[in-house]
Each structure stands twice: as C-alpha cells, then as structure tokens.
C-alpha cells in the first residue's frame, strides 16, 4: 500500500514537472485597435422605427429578387402603418402586396421609399445616421432613391444585375 502511494507521488511530481507551463505576457504595452460600433439609427417615433426595420428587410428582399418575401414583408408594413395612420406608406405597401412581379414590386418600392424618406426627415433622428441612396438608371433613367443604414450601395431596384449602381446623395442625422 505504501508502495502504491509512493508511485502516485512520483507520478504526480513527474506530471507537474513535464506539463506545459502557462506563459504570462505583459499586455499593458499592447494596444488593440477597437472600431466603435456606430449607434443604431432611430427616429423620435417608436412606431416609425418598427416600420423602418421592416423597410430594410423589404429592400434586402428586393435586392435578392425574392418576390414572395417582398410581399410578406410589405403586408407587415401595411399592417403596421395602418396602426400608425401613415397613409402614403399604407398605399405603397398594399401595391406591393397586390403584385406578383418583381418589376412591379420595385416600382411600388419607389413610392414606399419616398414616403419613408419624407417621414424620417419630418420626424428626425434620435441618434445615428441614415443615408438616402440614389440610382440614376432606375426606371429608364428616371432615377429612384431609397434609405439605407450603410454607405455601401446594394441596389434594390436592379438587384444582382447592377448591385452597386448608385451613390449616397444625402445623410440624415
């Protein structure tokens, strides 16, 4: 029995001597760059903030060309806008819901975008920035705008065929 205990002691000493030692690093002199996350853009109107979340989703669905998803989101926007009493948004969203063609949805999205741009400017932002992007080639070179949360262009009017067509025309602060 004492022999077994002696073996265990020797084994534990052997393991502790051969186990890799944790190295300590002096991290006081190391600066890690931190990119601050910009604040989420929010208007002063809580109902409009909820609708804007859905608006960004519909823009993304148009960009990817998902006709059914566009209609589902437009239906949610119409319902939310009815509660908020936003007539222009309701009408444009219902036009999208009534369509089953991507080009018609995109044309109605132009009306929806104009209504949202107007509302956001009227309400003002509580924090963050929103950007008004513009594609000069949309609708046979008539042009069309939309709201985006980032400066990178993802064109909902042309989708994958001309994803980066457009530029930021205005910053809403």
C-alpha atoms as a PDB file:
ATOM      1  CA  UNK A   1       0.000   0.000   0.000  1.00  0.00           C
ATOM      2  CA  UNK A   2       2.780   2.453   0.868  1.00  0.00           C
ATOM      3  CA  UNK A   3       4.392   1.430  -2.361  1.00  0.00           C
ATOM      4  CA  UNK A   4       1.253   2.490  -4.312  1.00  0.00           C
ATOM      5  CA  UNK A   5       1.173   5.828  -2.527  1.00  0.00           C
ATOM      6  CA  UNK A   6       4.866   6.336  -3.317  1.00  0.00           C
ATOM      7  CA  UNK A   7       4.162   5.580  -7.014  1.00  0.00           C
ATOM      8  CA  UNK A   8       1.316   8.112  -7.063  1.00  0.00           C
ATOM      9  CA  UNK A   9       3.502  10.798  -5.514  1.00  0.00           C
ATOM     10  CA  UNK A  10       6.296  10.182  -8.021  1.00  0.00           C
ATOM     11  CA  UNK A  11       3.821  10.150 -10.914  1.00  0.00           C
ATOM     12  CA  UNK A  12       2.228  13.422  -9.813  1.00  0.00           C
ATOM     13  CA  UNK A  13       5.644  15.077  -9.466  1.00  0.00           C
ATOM     14  CA  UNK A  14       6.612  13.822 -12.927  1.00  0.00           C
ATOM     15  CA  UNK A  15       3.371  15.141 -14.467  1.00  0.00           C
ATOM     16  CA  UNK A  16       3.655  18.538 -12.795  1.00  0.00           C
ATOM     17  CA  UNK A  17       7.251  18.924 -13.971  1.00  0.00           C
ATOM     18  CA  UNK A  18       6.544  17.954 -17.570  1.00  0.00           C
ATOM     19  CA  UNK A  19       3.196  19.765 -18.003  1.00  0.00           C
ATOM     20  CA  UNK A  20       3.474  22.856 -20.190  1.00  0.00           C
ATOM     21  CA  UNK A  21       3.685  25.989 -18.150  1.00  0.00           C
ATOM     22  CA  UNK A  22       1.371  28.859 -18.833  1.00  0.00           C
ATOM     23  CA  UNK A  23       3.312  31.811 -20.130  1.00  0.00           C
ATOM     24  CA  UNK A  24       2.490  35.193 -18.788  1.00  0.00           C
ATOM     25  CA  UNK A  25       2.506  38.047 -21.245  1.00  0.00           C
ATOM     26  CA  UNK A  26       2.745  41.672 -20.370  1.00  0.00           C
ATOM     27  CA  UNK A  27      -0.305  43.138 -22.115  1.00  0.00           C
ATOM     28  CA  UNK A  28      -0.068  46.627 -20.693  1.00  0.00           C
ATOM     29  CA  UNK A  29       2.002  47.876 -23.633  1.00  0.00           C
ATOM     30  CA  UNK A  30      -0.121  46.258 -26.344  1.00  0.00           C
ATOM     31  CA  UNK A  31      -2.829  48.441 -27.885  1.00  0.00           C
ATOM     32  CA  UNK A  32      -5.645  46.619 -29.579  1.00  0.00           C
ATOM     33  CA  UNK A  33      -7.466  48.826 -32.069  1.00  0.00           C
ATOM     34  CA  UNK A  34     -11.176  48.943 -31.413  1.00  0.00           C
ATOM     35  CA  UNK A  35     -13.566  50.040 -34.095  1.00  0.00           C
ATOM     36  CA  UNK A  36     -16.530  51.642 -32.392  1.00  0.00           C
ATOM     37  CA  UNK A  37     -19.924  50.392 -33.463  1.00  0.00           C
ATOM     38  CA  UNK A  38     -21.955  53.296 -34.766  1.00  0.00           C
ATOM     39  CA  UNK A  39     -25.192  53.845 -32.892  1.00  0.00           C
ATOM     40  CA  UNK A  40     -28.266  52.301 -34.433  1.00  0.00           C
ATOM     41  CA  UNK A  41     -30.204  54.975 -36.271  1.00  0.00           C
ATOM     42  CA  UNK A  42     -33.549  55.586 -34.614  1.00  0.00           C
ATOM     43  CA  UNK A  43     -36.172  58.204 -35.222  1.00  0.00           C
ATOM     44  CA  UNK A  44     -38.023  60.018 -32.475  1.00  0.00           C
ATOM     45  CA  UNK A  45     -41.121  57.972 -33.366  1.00  0.00           C
ATOM     46  CA  UNK A  46     -41.215  54.419 -31.957  1.00  0.00           C
ATOM     47  CA  UNK A  47     -43.818  53.194 -34.475  1.00  0.00           C
ATOM     48  CA  UNK A  48     -41.727  54.529 -37.366  1.00  0.00           C
ATOM     49  CA  UNK A  49     -38.660  52.702 -36.003  1.00  0.00           C
ATOM     50  CA  UNK A  50     -40.526  49.390 -36.191  1.00  0.00           C
ATOM     51  CA  UNK A  51     -41.656  50.151 -39.744  1.00  0.00           C
ATOM     52  CA  UNK A  52     -38.112  51.107 -40.738  1.00  0.00           C
ATOM     53  CA  UNK A  53     -36.881  47.702 -39.598  1.00  0.00           C
ATOM     54  CA  UNK A  54     -39.328  46.089 -41.992  1.00  0.00           C
ATOM     55  CA  UNK A  55     -38.430  48.593 -44.719  1.00  0.00           C
ATOM     56  CA  UNK A  56     -34.765  47.494 -44.549  1.00  0.00           C
ATOM     57  CA  UNK A  57     -35.920  43.878 -44.864  1.00  0.00           C
ATOM     58  CA  UNK A  58     -38.003  44.614 -47.941  1.00  0.00           C
ATOM     59  CA  UNK A  59     -35.063  46.438 -49.552  1.00  0.00           C
ATOM     60  CA  UNK A  60     -32.902  43.370 -48.908  1.00  0.00           C
ATOM     61  CA  UNK A  61     -35.547  41.026 -50.331  1.00  0.00           C
ATOM     62  CA  UNK A  62     -35.811  43.183 -53.474  1.00  0.00           C
ATOM     63  CA  UNK A  63     -32.045  43.172 -53.809  1.00  0.00           C
ATOM     64  CA  UNK A  64     -32.019  39.380 -53.740  1.00  0.00           C
ATOM     65  CA  UNK A  65     -35.090  39.165 -56.015  1.00  0.00           C
ATOM     66  CA  UNK A  66     -37.306  37.221 -53.582  1.00  0.00           C
ATOM     67  CA  UNK A  67     -40.812  38.126 -54.842  1.00  0.00           C
ATOM     68  CA  UNK A  68     -42.682  36.182 -52.149  1.00  0.00           C
ATOM     69  CA  UNK A  69     -40.628  37.533 -49.263  1.00  0.00           C
ATOM     70  CA  UNK A  70     -41.159  41.083 -50.568  1.00  0.00           C
ATOM     71  CA  UNK A  71     -44.936  40.575 -50.459  1.00  0.00           C
ATOM     72  CA  UNK A  72     -44.861  39.080 -46.954  1.00  0.00           C
ATOM     73  CA  UNK A  73     -42.846  41.994 -45.584  1.00  0.00           C
ATOM     74  CA  UNK A  74     -44.980  44.553 -47.444  1.00  0.00           C
ATOM     75  CA  UNK A  75     -48.045  43.042 -45.784  1.00  0.00           C
ATOM     76  CA  UNK A  76     -46.441  43.534 -42.365  1.00  0.00           C
ATOM     77  CA  UNK A  77     -45.539  47.130 -43.274  1.00  0.00           C
ATOM     78  CA  UNK A  78     -49.129  47.830 -44.384  1.00  0.00           C
ATOM     79  CA  UNK A  79     -50.497  46.437 -41.109  1.00  0.00           C
ATOM     80  CA  UNK A  80     -48.033  48.426 -39.003  1.00  0.00           C
ATOM     81  CA  UNK A  81     -48.625  51.612 -40.990  1.00  0.00           C
ATOM     82  CA  UNK A  82     -52.391  51.266 -40.512  1.00  0.00           C
ATOM     83  CA  UNK A  83     -51.891  51.264 -36.745  1.00  0.00           C
ATOM     84  CA  UNK A  84     -49.648  54.314 -37.070  1.00  0.00           C
ATOM     85  CA  UNK A  85     -52.007  56.024 -39.538  1.00  0.00           C
ATOM     86  CA  UNK A  86     -49.346  56.509 -42.222  1.00  0.00           C
ATOM     87  CA  UNK A  87     -51.485  56.731 -45.363  1.00  0.00           C
ATOM     88  CA  UNK A  88     -48.710  57.040 -48.008  1.00  0.00           C
ATOM     89  CA  UNK A  89     -46.863  54.067 -46.558  1.00  0.00           C
ATOM     90  CA  UNK A  90     -50.084  52.026 -46.403  1.00  0.00           C
ATOM     91  CA  UNK A  91     -50.906  52.679 -50.066  1.00  0.00           C
ATOM     92  CA  UNK A  92     -47.413  51.861 -51.354  1.00  0.00           C
ATOM     93  CA  UNK A  93     -47.161  48.715 -49.210  1.00  0.00           C
ATOM     94  CA  UNK A  94     -50.564  47.489 -50.402  1.00  0.00           C
ATOM     95  CA  UNK A  95     -49.483  47.995 -54.025  1.00  0.00           C
ATOM     96  CA  UNK A  96     -46.543  45.688 -53.356  1.00  0.00           C
ATOM     97  CA  UNK A  97     -48.766  43.103 -51.660  1.00  0.00           C
ATOM     98  CA  UNK A  98     -51.072  43.096 -54.697  1.00  0.00           C
ATOM     99  CA  UNK A  99     -48.224  42.375 -57.095  1.00  0.00           C
ATOM    100  CA  UNK A 100     -46.574  39.124 -58.033  1.00  0.00           C
ATOM    101  CA  UNK A 101     -43.903  40.529 -60.352  1.00  0.00           C
ATOM    102  CA  UNK A 102     -40.551  41.810 -59.224  1.00  0.00           C
ATOM    103  CA  UNK A 103     -40.539  44.852 -61.530  1.00  0.00           C
ATOM    104  CA  UNK A 104     -43.944  45.992 -60.260  1.00  0.00           C
ATOM    105  CA  UNK A 105     -42.801  45.487 -56.666  1.00  0.00           C
ATOM    106  CA  UNK A 106     -39.710  47.577 -57.360  1.00  0.00           C
ATOM    107  CA  UNK A 107     -41.803  50.393 -58.875  1.00  0.00           C
ATOM    108  CA  UNK A 108     -44.060  50.385 -55.802  1.00  0.00           C
ATOM    109  CA  UNK A 109     -40.958  50.286 -53.595  1.00  0.00           C
ATOM    110  CA  UNK A 110     -40.019  53.644 -55.109  1.00  0.00           C
ATOM    111  CA  UNK A 111     -43.274  55.098 -53.726  1.00  0.00           C
ATOM    112  CA  UNK A 112     -42.666  53.364 -50.404  1.00  0.00           C
ATOM    113  CA  UNK A 113     -39.140  54.763 -50.250  1.00  0.00           C
ATOM    114  CA  UNK A 114     -40.301  58.299 -50.995  1.00  0.00           C
ATOM    115  CA  UNK A 115     -42.891  58.013 -48.209  1.00  0.00           C
ATOM    116  CA  UNK A 116     -40.275  56.729 -45.738  1.00  0.00           C
ATOM    117  CA  UNK A 117     -37.726  59.386 -46.704  1.00  0.00           C
ATOM    118  CA  UNK A 118     -40.338  62.075 -46.128  1.00  0.00           C
ATOM    119  CA  UNK A 119     -41.409  60.587 -42.783  1.00  0.00           C
ATOM    120  CA  UNK A 120     -37.868  60.174 -41.477  1.00  0.00           C
ATOM    121  CA  UNK A 121     -36.994  63.758 -42.378  1.00  0.00           C
ATOM    122  CA  UNK A 122     -40.193  65.016 -40.749  1.00  0.00           C
ATOM    123  CA  UNK A 123     -39.717  63.012 -37.541  1.00  0.00           C
ATOM    124  CA  UNK A 124     -35.952  63.488 -37.265  1.00  0.00           C
ATOM    125  CA  UNK A 125     -33.425  61.051 -35.858  1.00  0.00           C
ATOM    126  CA  UNK A 126     -32.894  60.476 -32.166  1.00  0.00           C
ATOM    127  CA  UNK A 127     -29.431  59.029 -32.828  1.00  0.00           C
ATOM    128  CA  UNK A 128     -27.274  57.554 -35.584  1.00  0.00           C
ATOM    129  CA  UNK A 129     -27.333  58.303 -39.306  1.00  0.00           C
ATOM    130  CA  UNK A 130     -29.399  57.116 -42.228  1.00  0.00           C
ATOM    131  CA  UNK A 131     -28.439  57.580 -45.857  1.00  0.00           C
ATOM    132  CA  UNK A 132     -30.524  58.378 -48.899  1.00  0.00           C
ATOM    133  CA  UNK A 133     -29.083  56.407 -51.799  1.00  0.00           C
ATOM    134  CA  UNK A 134     -29.919  57.197 -55.404  1.00  0.00           C
ATOM    135  CA  UNK A 135     -29.747  55.141 -58.587  1.00  0.00           C
ATOM    136  CA  UNK A 136     -29.862  57.376 -61.682  1.00  0.00           C
ATOM    137  CA  UNK A 137     -30.564  54.440 -64.017  1.00  0.00           C
ATOM    138  CA  UNK A 138     -33.681  53.082 -62.306  1.00  0.00           C
ATOM    139  CA  UNK A 139     -36.899  53.113 -64.309  1.00  0.00           C
ATOM    140  CA  UNK A 140     -35.445  54.020 -67.709  1.00  0.00           C
ATOM    141  CA  UNK A 141     -33.067  56.638 -66.322  1.00  0.00           C
ATOM    142  CA  UNK A 142     -35.757  58.441 -64.309  1.00  0.00           C
ATOM    143  CA  UNK A 143     -33.857  57.547 -61.140  1.00  0.00           C
ATOM    144  CA  UNK A 144     -35.054  56.394 -57.740  1.00  0.00           C
ATOM    145  CA  UNK A 145     -33.989  56.761 -54.116  1.00  0.00           C
ATOM    146  CA  UNK A 146     -34.071  54.527 -51.059  1.00  0.00           C
ATOM    147  CA  UNK A 147     -32.990  54.642 -47.414  1.00  0.00           C
ATOM    148  CA  UNK A 148     -30.028  52.617 -46.228  1.00  0.00           C
ATOM    149  CA  UNK A 149     -28.223  52.260 -42.915  1.00  0.00           C
ATOM    150  CA  UNK A 150     -24.774  51.945 -44.515  1.00  0.00           C
ATOM    151  CA  UNK A 151     -22.851  53.845 -47.166  1.00  0.00           C
ATOM    152  CA  UNK A 152     -22.199  50.717 -49.242  1.00  0.00           C
ATOM    153  CA  UNK A 153     -24.632  50.537 -52.163  1.00  0.00           C
ATOM    154  CA  UNK A 154     -26.871  47.470 -52.514  1.00  0.00           C
ATOM    155  CA  UNK A 155     -29.358  48.498 -55.167  1.00  0.00           C
ATOM    156  CA  UNK A 156     -32.909  47.153 -54.592  1.00  0.00           C
ATOM    157  CA  UNK A 157     -34.065  48.440 -57.993  1.00  0.00           C
ATOM    158  CA  UNK A 158     -31.663  46.291 -60.028  1.00  0.00           C
ATOM    159  CA  UNK A 159     -30.592  43.620 -57.550  1.00  0.00           C
ATOM    160  CA  UNK A 160     -27.759  41.359 -58.618  1.00  0.00           C
ATOM    161  CA  UNK A 161     -27.685  42.675 -62.208  1.00  0.00           C
ATOM    162  CA  UNK A 162     -26.411  46.108 -61.075  1.00  0.00           C
ATOM    163  CA  UNK A 163     -25.901  45.662 -57.353  1.00  0.00           C
ATOM    164  CA  UNK A 164     -23.626  48.652 -56.788  1.00  0.00           C
ATOM    165  CA  UNK A 165     -25.262  51.114 -59.174  1.00  0.00           C
ATOM    166  CA  UNK A 166     -25.943  54.343 -57.313  1.00  0.00           C
ATOM    167  CA  UNK A 167     -24.465  56.658 -54.742  1.00  0.00           C
ATOM    168  CA  UNK A 168     -25.262  58.258 -51.408  1.00  0.00           C
ATOM    169  CA  UNK A 169     -26.955  61.591 -52.037  1.00  0.00           C
ATOM    170  CA  UNK A 170     -27.846  62.635 -48.524  1.00  0.00           C
ATOM    171  CA  UNK A 171     -27.098  61.875 -44.885  1.00  0.00           C
ATOM    172  CA  UNK A 172     -29.986  62.177 -42.459  1.00  0.00           C
ATOM    173  CA  UNK A 173     -28.768  62.959 -38.960  1.00  0.00           C
END
